[in-house]
Amino acid sequence: MLIFIVKRLLLTVLVLAGVCVITFALTHLVPGNPARLLAGQHATEAQVAALAAQYGLDKPLPTQFWIYMTGLIHGDLGMSLTYRRPVFDDLAQFLPASIELTLTAVLLTVFIGLPLGLFAGVNRGRPLDHVLRVLTVGGVSMPIFWLGIILQIVFYKHLQLLPIGGRLGITEIEPTQLTGFYVIDTWAEGDYQAFRSSLLHLVLPASTLAIGSIAVISRMMRASVIEVLDSDYIRTARAKGLTDGQILRRHVFRNAMVPTTTVLGLQIGALLAGNVLAEVVFSWPGIGLYAVNAIKNLDYPAIMGVTLVISIIYVVVNLVVDIAYVVLDPRISLDGRTAR
């Protein structure tokens, strides 16, 4: 397993290098002058040129790319053109909020989607199964931005049960940045009012992100459960006298999780991508909102930094999924062979 992990990490370096090349090329193909945007509409050409020289925007593109990659090797992600500070500091500030939101959505997906899929698969063809199938089709079909706005209208405007956006209420004080996760930091400080507020502020954006993934995971789990229930070894287990509960725990759930794990890993990547829309709708101060502001201002270093971080997380998630295969099914080997 160690050799497999080392190989994957070496390949990750090549993947990230390719991501850098593609992202750098695409961002510079977009028409516009970031120096002009930073200087303002009423700035003179001399001021724009001075600002471009300050950030190295007047150099040829190959030179700019070489400078960026040289800094990246030394851990320097460049200087944000929008916030006028290192991109690394920006990501350290905004990334914990996105991770907190994504992890909450993942937990909702796992603890709701898997049981729903298992229940639907066991009760296939029954009325509740048909209802769940209709609901999951609706969940997959709803765009994140539309769903977020609808939830705001229902739960904030009409029912007045949940806040419309942000991470804390206007009367709460931000906690000390121990982990960057407000739920954990407020609890650690003993500020239970802020802890309750941080939980309430998580509900709508996390639910908006999770609903589509819950639908996908539950449909995949249902299909996997049905396939496993039709297997010969399940009939053998019933012939041996195992109860339905024992069959579900020992055979059905674990074997159905193998294909579902692949989809779950892909959904984590989808949740990271969906963060951009959810954070804009709910004014959530994460890297999604940060990326939108960077794109508006053609902030090349910030765009590159966000892309690299998301790429690294995506690669790590896929590595964890590959390792999970071996844990769930010992017949699978990380070298691509199937154990006999």
Protein backbone atom coordinates (compact mmCIF):
# COMPACT_ATOMS: atom_id res chain seq x y z
CA MET A 1 0.00 0.00 0.00
CA LEU A 2 2.87 2.37 0.79
CA ILE A 3 4.32 1.94 -2.70
CA PHE A 4 0.89 2.65 -4.21
CA ILE A 5 0.51 5.84 -2.16
CA VAL A 6 3.99 7.05 -3.13
CA LYS A 7 3.25 6.44 -6.83
CA ARG A 8 -0.03 8.34 -6.57
CA LEU A 9 1.69 11.27 -4.86
CA LEU A 10 4.32 11.43 -7.60
CA LEU A 11 1.58 11.39 -10.23
CA THR A 12 -0.16 14.14 -8.27
CA VAL A 13 2.79 16.43 -8.92
CA LEU A 14 2.34 15.93 -12.67
CA VAL A 15 -1.41 16.49 -12.39
CA LEU A 16 -0.93 19.75 -10.49
CA ALA A 17 1.67 20.92 -12.99
CA GLY A 18 -0.83 20.32 -15.78
CA VAL A 19 -3.51 22.16 -13.81
CA CYS A 20 -1.17 25.13 -13.43
CA VAL A 21 -0.45 25.29 -17.15
CA ILE A 22 -4.10 25.00 -18.19
CA THR A 23 -5.40 27.44 -15.56
CA PHE A 24 -2.70 30.00 -16.28
CA ALA A 25 -3.40 29.83 -20.02
CA LEU A 26 -7.17 30.07 -19.64
CA THR A 27 -7.09 32.99 -17.20
CA HIS A 28 -4.81 35.00 -19.49
CA LEU A 29 -6.98 34.28 -22.53
CA VAL A 30 -9.84 36.23 -20.93
CA PRO A 31 -9.89 39.74 -22.41
CA GLY A 32 -9.26 42.52 -19.95
CA ASN A 33 -6.55 44.38 -18.10
CA PRO A 34 -6.37 43.66 -14.34
CA ALA A 35 -4.14 46.70 -13.84
CA ARG A 36 -6.88 48.90 -15.30
CA LEU A 37 -9.46 47.30 -13.00
CA LEU A 38 -7.25 47.88 -9.96
CA ALA A 39 -6.35 51.44 -10.90
CA GLY A 40 -9.94 52.46 -11.58
CA GLN A 41 -11.72 54.08 -14.50
CA HIS A 42 -10.25 57.53 -13.93
CA ALA A 43 -6.59 56.43 -13.65
CA THR A 44 -4.11 57.70 -16.19
CA GLU A 45 -2.19 55.41 -18.51
CA ALA A 46 0.96 56.13 -16.53
CA GLN A 47 -0.70 54.97 -13.32
CA VAL A 48 -1.99 51.81 -15.01
CA ALA A 49 1.48 51.07 -16.41
CA ALA A 50 3.07 51.61 -12.98
CA LEU A 51 0.60 49.24 -11.39
CA ALA A 52 1.20 46.62 -14.09
CA ALA A 53 4.95 46.89 -13.54
CA GLN A 54 4.49 46.57 -9.77
CA TYR A 55 2.73 43.19 -10.14
CA GLY A 56 4.78 41.99 -13.11
CA LEU A 57 1.84 42.16 -15.50
CA ASP A 58 3.89 43.96 -18.15
CA LYS A 59 6.18 40.97 -18.70
CA PRO A 60 5.65 38.36 -21.46
CA LEU A 61 3.37 35.47 -20.52
CA PRO A 62 6.11 32.81 -20.52
CA THR A 63 8.14 35.00 -18.14
CA GLN A 64 5.12 35.51 -15.88
CA PHE A 65 4.48 31.77 -15.82
CA TRP A 66 8.13 31.00 -15.02
CA ILE A 67 8.12 33.53 -12.17
CA TYR A 68 4.90 32.05 -10.80
CA MET A 69 6.10 28.43 -10.97
CA THR A 70 9.43 29.37 -9.40
CA GLY A 71 7.62 30.98 -6.50
CA LEU A 72 5.22 28.05 -6.25
CA ILE A 73 8.10 25.60 -5.81
CA HIS A 74 9.20 27.68 -2.81
CA GLY A 75 5.68 27.77 -1.38
CA ASP A 76 4.81 31.24 -2.65
CA LEU A 77 1.36 31.45 -4.26
CA GLY A 78 1.86 35.04 -5.29
CA MET A 79 0.27 38.33 -4.26
CA SER A 80 -3.47 38.84 -4.61
CA LEU A 81 -4.28 41.75 -6.88
CA THR A 82 -7.63 42.24 -5.15
CA TYR A 83 -6.71 42.04 -1.48
CA ARG A 84 -3.09 43.26 -1.89
CA ARG A 85 -1.68 40.50 0.32
CA PRO A 86 -0.23 36.99 -0.17
CA VAL A 87 -2.68 34.49 -1.64
CA PHE A 88 -1.51 31.95 0.95
CA ASP A 89 -2.79 34.21 3.74
CA ASP A 90 -6.11 34.66 1.92
CA LEU A 91 -6.57 30.91 1.52
CA ALA A 92 -5.66 30.33 5.17
CA GLN A 93 -8.44 32.75 6.10
CA PHE A 94 -11.17 31.63 3.70
CA LEU A 95 -10.50 27.89 3.27
CA PRO A 96 -11.66 26.76 6.77
CA ALA A 97 -15.13 28.21 6.12
CA SER A 98 -15.42 26.23 2.87
CA ILE A 99 -14.16 23.04 4.49
CA GLU A 100 -16.63 23.42 7.36
CA LEU A 101 -19.49 23.88 4.90
CA THR A 102 -18.37 20.99 2.68
CA LEU A 103 -17.82 18.59 5.59
CA THR A 104 -21.29 19.37 6.93
CA ALA A 105 -22.79 18.68 3.50
CA VAL A 106 -20.80 15.42 3.26
CA LEU A 107 -22.07 14.29 6.68
CA LEU A 108 -25.65 15.04 5.63
CA THR A 109 -25.08 13.12 2.39
CA VAL A 110 -23.67 10.06 4.17
CA PHE A 111 -26.09 9.88 7.11
CA ILE A 112 -29.20 10.59 5.02
CA GLY A 113 -28.38 9.31 1.54
CA LEU A 114 -27.02 5.89 2.50
CA PRO A 115 -29.92 4.89 4.81
CA LEU A 116 -32.45 6.15 2.26
CA GLY A 117 -30.83 4.11 -0.49
CA LEU A 118 -30.64 1.03 1.72
CA PHE A 119 -34.29 1.40 2.72
CA ALA A 120 -35.41 1.91 -0.87
CA GLY A 121 -33.41 -1.08 -2.09
CA VAL A 122 -34.78 -3.40 0.57
CA ASN A 123 -38.34 -2.20 -0.11
CA ARG A 124 -38.09 -1.99 -3.90
CA GLY A 125 -41.37 -1.80 -5.77
CA ARG A 126 -43.33 -0.64 -2.72
CA PRO A 127 -45.09 2.74 -2.49
CA LEU A 128 -42.38 4.34 -0.32
CA ASP A 129 -39.74 3.22 -2.79
CA HIS A 130 -41.60 4.97 -5.62
CA VAL A 131 -41.96 8.13 -3.52
CA LEU A 132 -38.24 8.18 -2.74
CA ARG A 133 -37.39 7.67 -6.41
CA VAL A 134 -39.51 10.66 -7.40
CA LEU A 135 -37.94 12.80 -4.66
CA THR A 136 -34.42 11.85 -5.68
CA VAL A 137 -35.09 12.74 -9.31
CA GLY A 138 -36.29 16.14 -8.11
CA GLY A 139 -33.20 16.52 -5.91
CA VAL A 140 -30.85 15.84 -8.81
CA SER A 141 -32.73 18.23 -11.09
CA MET A 142 -32.75 21.34 -8.88
CA PRO A 143 -29.93 23.88 -9.49
CA ILE A 144 -28.04 24.93 -6.37
CA PHE A 145 -28.57 28.67 -6.81
CA TRP A 146 -32.34 28.22 -7.33
CA LEU A 147 -32.72 25.83 -4.42
CA GLY A 148 -30.77 28.14 -2.12
CA ILE A 149 -32.99 31.10 -2.93
CA ILE A 150 -36.16 29.02 -2.43
CA LEU A 151 -34.93 27.83 0.98
CA GLN A 152 -34.15 31.42 1.96
CA ILE A 153 -37.65 32.53 0.99
CA VAL A 154 -39.32 29.69 2.88
CA PHE A 155 -37.21 29.39 6.06
CA TYR A 156 -36.06 33.00 6.46
CA LYS A 157 -38.74 35.21 4.96
CA HIS A 158 -41.91 33.24 5.68
CA LEU A 159 -41.16 30.90 8.58
CA GLN A 160 -38.39 33.06 10.13
CA LEU A 161 -36.71 29.96 11.50
CA LEU A 162 -33.21 30.18 10.00
CA PRO A 163 -30.80 33.03 9.11
CA ILE A 164 -30.47 34.12 5.51
CA GLY A 165 -26.69 33.95 5.27
CA GLY A 166 -23.28 34.51 6.80
CA ARG A 167 -21.56 32.42 9.47
CA LEU A 168 -22.71 34.26 12.61
CA GLY A 169 -25.40 36.74 13.61
CA ILE A 170 -24.63 40.44 13.68
CA THR A 171 -24.64 40.45 17.51
CA GLU A 172 -22.14 37.58 17.88
CA ILE A 173 -18.39 38.10 18.05
CA GLU A 174 -16.15 35.97 15.87
CA PRO A 175 -14.35 33.32 17.93
CA THR A 176 -10.60 32.96 18.26
CA GLN A 177 -9.28 31.15 15.19
CA LEU A 178 -8.28 27.83 16.73
CA THR A 179 -9.38 25.63 13.82
CA GLY A 180 -11.25 28.11 11.62
CA PHE A 181 -14.42 26.04 12.10
CA TYR A 182 -16.86 28.28 13.96
CA VAL A 183 -18.81 25.32 15.34
CA ILE A 184 -15.69 23.96 17.01
CA ASP A 185 -14.14 27.31 17.98
CA THR A 186 -17.28 28.69 19.62
CA TRP A 187 -17.76 25.45 21.56
CA ALA A 188 -14.11 25.48 22.69
CA GLU A 189 -14.50 29.06 23.96
CA GLY A 190 -17.67 28.17 25.84
CA ASP A 191 -19.71 30.74 23.90
CA TYR A 192 -22.79 28.58 23.51
CA GLN A 193 -24.94 31.37 22.07
CA ALA A 194 -22.45 31.82 19.24
CA PHE A 195 -22.21 28.02 18.93
CA ARG A 196 -25.96 27.78 18.44
CA SER A 197 -25.84 30.65 15.95
CA SER A 198 -23.05 29.01 13.94
CA LEU A 199 -25.05 25.78 13.75
CA LEU A 200 -28.17 27.60 12.57
CA HIS A 201 -26.18 29.49 9.93
CA LEU A 202 -24.86 26.17 8.60
CA VAL A 203 -28.26 24.58 8.07
CA LEU A 204 -29.44 26.30 4.89
CA PRO A 205 -26.18 26.42 2.88
CA ALA A 206 -25.18 22.87 3.88
CA SER A 207 -28.65 21.54 3.06
CA THR A 208 -28.61 23.35 -0.29
CA LEU A 209 -25.30 21.71 -1.13
CA ALA A 210 -26.25 18.28 0.19
CA ILE A 211 -29.70 17.73 -1.36
CA GLY A 212 -28.38 16.98 -4.85
CA SER A 213 -25.67 14.67 -3.49
CA ILE A 214 -28.15 12.90 -1.20
CA ALA A 215 -30.29 12.15 -4.25
CA VAL A 216 -27.33 10.79 -6.24
CA ILE A 217 -25.96 8.66 -3.36
CA SER A 218 -29.36 7.25 -2.41
CA ARG A 219 -30.08 6.22 -6.03
CA MET A 220 -26.67 4.58 -6.34
CA MET A 221 -27.05 2.82 -2.99
CA ARG A 222 -30.51 1.57 -3.95
CA ALA A 223 -29.21 0.08 -7.20
CA SER A 224 -26.26 -1.54 -5.41
CA VAL A 225 -28.48 -3.01 -2.68
CA ILE A 226 -30.85 -4.51 -5.26
CA GLU A 227 -27.91 -6.07 -7.10
CA VAL A 228 -26.49 -7.55 -3.90
CA LEU A 229 -29.87 -8.91 -2.74
CA ASP A 230 -30.16 -10.83 -6.02
CA SER A 231 -26.77 -12.50 -5.52
CA ASP A 232 -26.34 -16.21 -4.86
CA TYR A 233 -24.51 -15.74 -1.56
CA ILE A 234 -27.51 -13.85 -0.15
CA ARG A 235 -29.75 -16.80 -0.95
CA THR A 236 -27.17 -19.06 0.68
CA ALA A 237 -27.13 -16.85 3.79
CA ARG A 238 -30.93 -17.08 4.03
CA ALA A 239 -30.73 -20.86 3.61
CA LYS A 240 -28.32 -21.00 6.55
CA GLY A 241 -30.95 -19.33 8.72
CA LEU A 242 -29.54 -15.80 9.03
CA THR A 243 -32.11 -13.15 9.85
CA ASP A 244 -32.78 -10.20 7.56
CA GLY A 245 -30.98 -7.89 9.98
CA GLN A 246 -27.87 -10.09 10.03
CA ILE A 247 -27.87 -10.32 6.22
CA LEU A 248 -28.12 -6.55 5.88
CA ARG A 249 -25.32 -5.90 8.39
CA ARG A 250 -22.91 -8.63 7.34
CA HIS A 251 -23.39 -8.85 3.58
CA VAL A 252 -25.67 -6.30 1.93
CA PHE A 253 -24.47 -2.97 3.33
CA ARG A 254 -20.75 -3.60 3.06
CA ASN A 255 -20.87 -5.03 -0.47
CA ALA A 256 -23.25 -2.33 -1.68
CA MET A 257 -20.85 0.32 -0.36
CA VAL A 258 -18.06 -0.65 -2.77
CA PRO A 259 -19.57 0.95 -5.94
CA THR A 260 -21.27 3.64 -3.88
CA THR A 261 -17.93 4.77 -2.46
CA THR A 262 -16.77 5.75 -5.96
CA VAL A 263 -19.81 7.97 -6.45
CA LEU A 264 -19.40 9.41 -2.95
CA GLY A 265 -15.83 10.45 -3.77
CA LEU A 266 -17.02 12.14 -6.96
CA GLN A 267 -19.77 13.90 -5.02
CA ILE A 268 -17.25 15.41 -2.63
CA GLY A 269 -15.62 17.01 -5.65
CA ALA A 270 -19.04 18.17 -6.83
CA LEU A 271 -19.71 19.69 -3.40
CA LEU A 272 -16.46 21.65 -3.60
CA ALA A 273 -17.49 22.95 -7.03
CA GLY A 274 -20.99 23.73 -5.77
CA ASN A 275 -19.49 25.76 -2.95
CA VAL A 276 -19.02 28.65 -5.36
CA LEU A 277 -22.76 29.05 -5.97
CA ALA A 278 -23.81 28.29 -2.39
CA GLU A 279 -21.32 30.74 -0.91
CA VAL A 280 -22.47 33.52 -3.21
CA VAL A 281 -26.16 32.91 -2.46
CA PHE A 282 -25.63 32.70 1.32
CA SER A 283 -22.76 35.24 1.59
CA TRP A 284 -20.59 32.50 3.06
CA PRO A 285 -17.00 33.83 3.36
CA GLY A 286 -15.17 30.84 1.85
CA ILE A 287 -12.92 30.25 -1.12
CA GLY A 288 -15.94 30.06 -3.42
CA LEU A 289 -16.87 33.67 -2.72
CA TYR A 290 -13.18 34.53 -2.78
CA ALA A 291 -12.85 32.93 -6.23
CA VAL A 292 -15.83 34.87 -7.59
CA ASN A 293 -14.29 38.17 -6.47
CA ALA A 294 -10.95 37.10 -7.97
CA ILE A 295 -12.57 36.30 -11.32
CA LYS A 296 -14.37 39.66 -11.37
CA ASN A 297 -11.06 41.47 -10.93
CA LEU A 298 -8.97 39.13 -13.14
CA ASP A 299 -6.90 38.33 -10.05
CA TYR A 300 -4.64 35.72 -11.65
CA PRO A 301 -2.70 34.62 -8.54
CA ALA A 302 -5.90 34.21 -6.51
CA ILE A 303 -7.57 32.18 -9.26
CA MET A 304 -4.49 29.96 -9.53
CA GLY A 305 -4.38 29.50 -5.76
CA VAL A 306 -8.02 28.45 -5.48
CA THR A 307 -7.68 26.07 -8.43
CA LEU A 308 -4.60 24.42 -6.92
CA VAL A 309 -6.23 23.96 -3.52
CA ILE A 310 -9.37 22.39 -5.00
CA SER A 311 -7.25 20.15 -7.23
CA ILE A 312 -5.18 18.94 -4.27
CA ILE A 313 -8.30 18.18 -2.23
CA TYR A 314 -9.86 16.33 -5.16
CA VAL A 315 -6.74 14.19 -5.69
CA VAL A 316 -6.52 13.37 -1.97
CA VAL A 317 -10.19 12.39 -1.86
CA ASN A 318 -9.72 10.02 -4.80
CA LEU A 319 -6.70 8.47 -3.08
CA VAL A 320 -8.77 7.90 0.07
CA VAL A 321 -11.52 6.31 -2.03
CA ASP A 322 -9.03 3.88 -3.60
CA ILE A 323 -7.78 2.88 -0.15
CA ALA A 324 -11.36 2.48 1.07
CA TYR A 325 -11.94 -0.15 -1.62
CA VAL A 326 -9.42 -2.44 0.04
CA VAL A 327 -11.00 -1.91 3.46
CA LEU A 328 -14.50 -2.66 2.19
CA ASP A 329 -13.54 -5.59 -0.06
CA PRO A 330 -10.33 -7.52 0.79
CA ARG A 331 -10.50 -9.18 -2.64
CA ILE A 332 -9.46 -5.89 -4.23
CA SER A 333 -5.76 -5.10 -4.39
CA LEU A 334 -4.24 -1.66 -4.85
CA ASP A 335 -1.92 -2.99 -7.55
CA GLY A 336 -4.95 -3.63 -9.76
CA ARG A 337 -5.14 -7.38 -9.18
CA THR A 338 -8.06 -9.17 -7.58
CA ALA A 339 -7.27 -11.45 -4.67
CA ARG A 340 -8.41 -15.04 -4.97
